[in-house]
């Protein structure tokens, strides 16, 4: 499933999404008029959906000033959120901790691939026609660079709305 840009798919178009009965019911009950409400007009994309936004992406690292080890990689989308991916082995927050648009992300390198695991996300959409991802979802991303290209594979595991992992990819050109 390619992340859509601009207006998005038609209402009821869930082709390719592994929605379960609860996911389909949630999507069918969604109303596009929500987007005109003031509290929704500046709502950021959540970290698993923002990859498809028409914004520039800046990637930079955070370095421990004493050890000079990289403790985190930051992803910063123009006009959206800055997201930290912690590489220093810190523990995840407790299950009852607050959810955010960015979530809590840890990463590890496997050769040239950065694998990111994100939890503690606010509920968000997986398609801009009402198909949702719950706050109980876990998102795994694999970032792979090939010359001037960055390929991002996003895998959403959601026990509330999906029957199986939903996988999508997107490419960025430097």
Protein backbone atom coordinates (compact mmCIF):
# COMPACT_ATOMS: atom_id res chain seq x y z
CA UNK A 1 0.00 0.00 0.00
CA UNK A 2 1.57 3.27 -1.09
CA UNK A 3 0.92 6.21 1.22
CA UNK A 4 -1.42 8.49 -0.68
CA UNK A 5 -0.71 12.16 -1.22
CA UNK A 6 -3.30 14.82 -1.82
CA UNK A 7 -6.94 14.22 -1.50
CA UNK A 8 -6.82 10.52 -0.66
CA UNK A 9 -9.04 7.60 -1.59
CA UNK A 10 -12.83 7.60 -1.75
CA UNK A 11 -14.90 6.80 1.30
CA UNK A 12 -15.37 3.04 1.56
CA UNK A 13 -12.23 2.27 -0.51
CA UNK A 14 -10.31 -0.11 1.78
CA UNK A 15 -8.73 -2.15 -0.99
CA UNK A 16 -5.49 -3.71 0.22
CA UNK A 17 -6.08 -2.92 3.90
CA UNK A 18 -6.30 -5.92 6.23
CA UNK A 19 -9.19 -4.45 8.23
CA UNK A 20 -11.08 -6.70 10.61
CA UNK A 21 -14.80 -6.21 11.37
CA UNK A 22 -14.06 -3.54 14.01
CA UNK A 23 -11.73 -1.70 11.63
CA UNK A 24 -14.31 -1.71 8.83
CA UNK A 25 -17.06 -0.55 11.21
CA UNK A 26 -14.83 2.26 12.48
CA UNK A 27 -13.96 3.34 8.93
CA UNK A 28 -17.58 3.19 7.74
CA UNK A 29 -18.67 5.37 10.68
CA UNK A 30 -16.05 8.07 9.95
CA UNK A 31 -17.19 11.42 8.61
CA UNK A 32 -14.96 13.66 6.50
CA UNK A 33 -16.67 16.66 8.12
CA UNK A 34 -14.43 16.02 11.16
CA UNK A 35 -11.58 17.59 9.21
CA UNK A 36 -13.36 20.95 9.19
CA UNK A 37 -13.51 21.13 13.00
CA UNK A 38 -10.99 23.62 14.46
CA UNK A 39 -9.38 21.00 16.73
CA UNK A 40 -8.62 18.80 13.69
CA UNK A 41 -7.33 21.46 11.30
CA UNK A 42 -3.78 21.52 12.67
CA UNK A 43 -3.66 17.89 13.73
CA UNK A 44 -0.28 16.44 12.78
CA UNK A 45 0.14 13.14 11.00
CA UNK A 46 1.24 10.40 13.37
CA UNK A 47 4.78 9.07 12.96
CA UNK A 48 3.73 6.05 10.90
CA UNK A 49 1.75 8.17 8.41
CA UNK A 50 3.89 11.32 8.19
CA UNK A 51 6.34 9.60 5.83
CA UNK A 52 3.94 10.38 2.99
CA UNK A 53 3.46 14.04 3.81
CA UNK A 54 4.57 16.58 1.22
CA UNK A 55 7.16 18.02 3.60
CA UNK A 56 10.92 18.06 3.62
CA UNK A 57 12.58 15.55 5.94
CA UNK A 58 15.69 16.38 7.94
CA UNK A 59 17.60 13.57 9.69
CA UNK A 60 20.20 14.37 12.34
CA UNK A 61 21.86 12.58 15.22
CA UNK A 62 22.11 13.35 18.92
CA UNK A 63 25.55 12.64 20.38
CA UNK A 64 26.52 12.13 24.02
CA UNK A 65 29.03 14.94 24.69
CA UNK A 66 31.21 12.75 26.93
CA UNK A 67 31.26 9.37 25.16
CA UNK A 68 30.69 10.78 21.65
CA UNK A 69 28.29 7.86 21.06
CA UNK A 70 25.12 8.47 19.07
CA UNK A 71 22.24 8.25 21.55
CA UNK A 72 19.40 9.06 19.15
CA UNK A 73 18.54 9.82 15.56
CA UNK A 74 16.00 12.59 15.04
CA UNK A 75 13.55 12.80 12.15
CA UNK A 76 12.15 16.28 11.59
CA UNK A 77 9.41 17.00 9.06
CA UNK A 78 8.86 20.61 8.09
CA UNK A 79 5.55 21.89 9.47
CA UNK A 80 5.03 18.74 11.55
CA UNK A 81 6.77 16.98 14.41
CA UNK A 82 10.28 16.11 15.44
CA UNK A 83 10.68 12.47 16.33
CA UNK A 84 13.48 10.88 18.36
CA UNK A 85 14.59 7.29 17.77
CA UNK A 86 16.61 6.24 20.81
CA UNK A 87 19.62 4.02 20.14
CA UNK A 88 20.97 3.93 23.71
CA UNK A 89 18.97 0.99 25.05
CA UNK A 90 16.63 3.00 27.27
CA UNK A 91 13.51 1.14 28.42
CA UNK A 92 10.05 1.78 27.04
CA UNK A 93 7.65 3.79 29.17
CA UNK A 94 5.03 1.83 31.12
CA UNK A 95 1.92 0.73 29.21
CA UNK A 96 -0.21 3.42 30.88
CA UNK A 97 2.13 6.26 29.80
CA UNK A 98 0.72 9.02 27.62
CA UNK A 99 0.35 8.50 23.87
CA UNK A 100 1.72 11.09 21.43
CA UNK A 101 1.68 11.67 17.66
CA UNK A 102 5.35 10.66 17.51
CA UNK A 103 5.06 7.76 19.96
CA UNK A 104 8.10 6.29 21.71
CA UNK A 105 10.70 4.87 19.30
CA UNK A 106 13.78 2.76 19.81
CA UNK A 107 16.14 1.74 17.06
CA UNK A 108 18.94 -0.65 16.30
CA UNK A 109 21.26 -1.04 13.39
CA UNK A 110 21.37 -4.34 11.52
CA UNK A 111 24.19 -3.74 9.08
CA UNK A 112 23.10 -0.74 6.98
CA UNK A 113 19.43 -1.02 7.97
CA UNK A 114 17.99 1.00 10.86
CA UNK A 115 15.07 -0.89 12.41
CA UNK A 116 12.73 1.24 14.50
CA UNK A 117 10.05 -0.02 16.90
CA UNK A 118 7.40 2.49 17.97
CA UNK A 119 4.76 2.19 20.67
CA UNK A 120 2.72 4.72 22.68
CA UNK A 121 1.13 6.29 19.62
CA UNK A 122 -2.14 8.20 19.71
CA UNK A 123 -4.83 6.69 17.55
CA UNK A 124 -4.27 7.72 13.94
CA UNK A 125 -5.37 6.95 10.43
CA UNK A 126 -3.79 4.52 8.02
CA UNK A 127 -5.72 5.94 5.10
CA UNK A 128 -7.42 9.32 4.86
CA UNK A 129 -10.90 7.91 4.44
CA UNK A 130 -11.57 6.70 7.97
CA UNK A 131 -9.41 3.57 8.11
CA UNK A 132 -7.80 3.86 11.53
CA UNK A 133 -4.92 2.49 13.58
CA UNK A 134 -5.53 2.14 17.32
CA UNK A 135 -3.35 3.36 20.18
CA UNK A 136 -2.53 -0.29 20.92
CA UNK A 137 -0.64 -0.69 17.63
CA UNK A 138 3.07 -1.34 17.37
CA UNK A 139 4.84 0.05 14.32
CA UNK A 140 8.11 -1.33 12.94
CA UNK A 141 10.02 0.65 10.31
CA UNK A 142 13.09 -0.33 8.33
CA UNK A 143 15.16 2.53 6.85
CA UNK A 144 17.45 1.48 4.01
CA UNK A 145 19.67 3.82 2.00
CA UNK A 146 20.76 3.00 -1.54
CA UNK A 147 22.92 5.81 -2.90
CA UNK A 148 20.69 8.89 -3.09
CA UNK A 149 17.55 6.89 -2.25
CA UNK A 150 16.07 6.15 1.17
CA UNK A 151 13.51 3.35 1.25
CA UNK A 152 11.25 3.17 4.28
CA UNK A 153 9.24 0.01 4.99
CA UNK A 154 6.45 0.58 7.52
CA UNK A 155 4.78 -2.40 9.22
CA UNK A 156 1.73 -1.71 11.37
CA UNK A 157 0.60 -4.42 13.81
CA UNK A 158 -2.75 -3.46 15.32
CA UNK A 159 -4.68 -6.03 17.37
CA UNK A 160 -7.77 -3.76 17.44
CA UNK A 161 -8.42 -2.93 13.76
CA UNK A 162 -6.24 -5.19 11.58
CA UNK A 163 -6.34 -8.92 10.81
CA UNK A 164 -2.63 -9.05 9.92
CA UNK A 165 0.31 -6.67 9.66
CA UNK A 166 -0.19 -3.86 7.16
CA UNK A 167 2.96 -3.15 5.14
CA UNK A 168 3.69 -0.10 3.03
CA UNK A 169 6.83 1.42 1.54
CA UNK A 170 7.87 4.87 0.46
CA UNK A 171 11.03 6.23 -1.15
CA UNK A 172 12.78 9.55 -0.63
CA UNK A 173 15.36 11.00 -3.00
CA UNK A 174 18.25 13.05 -1.59
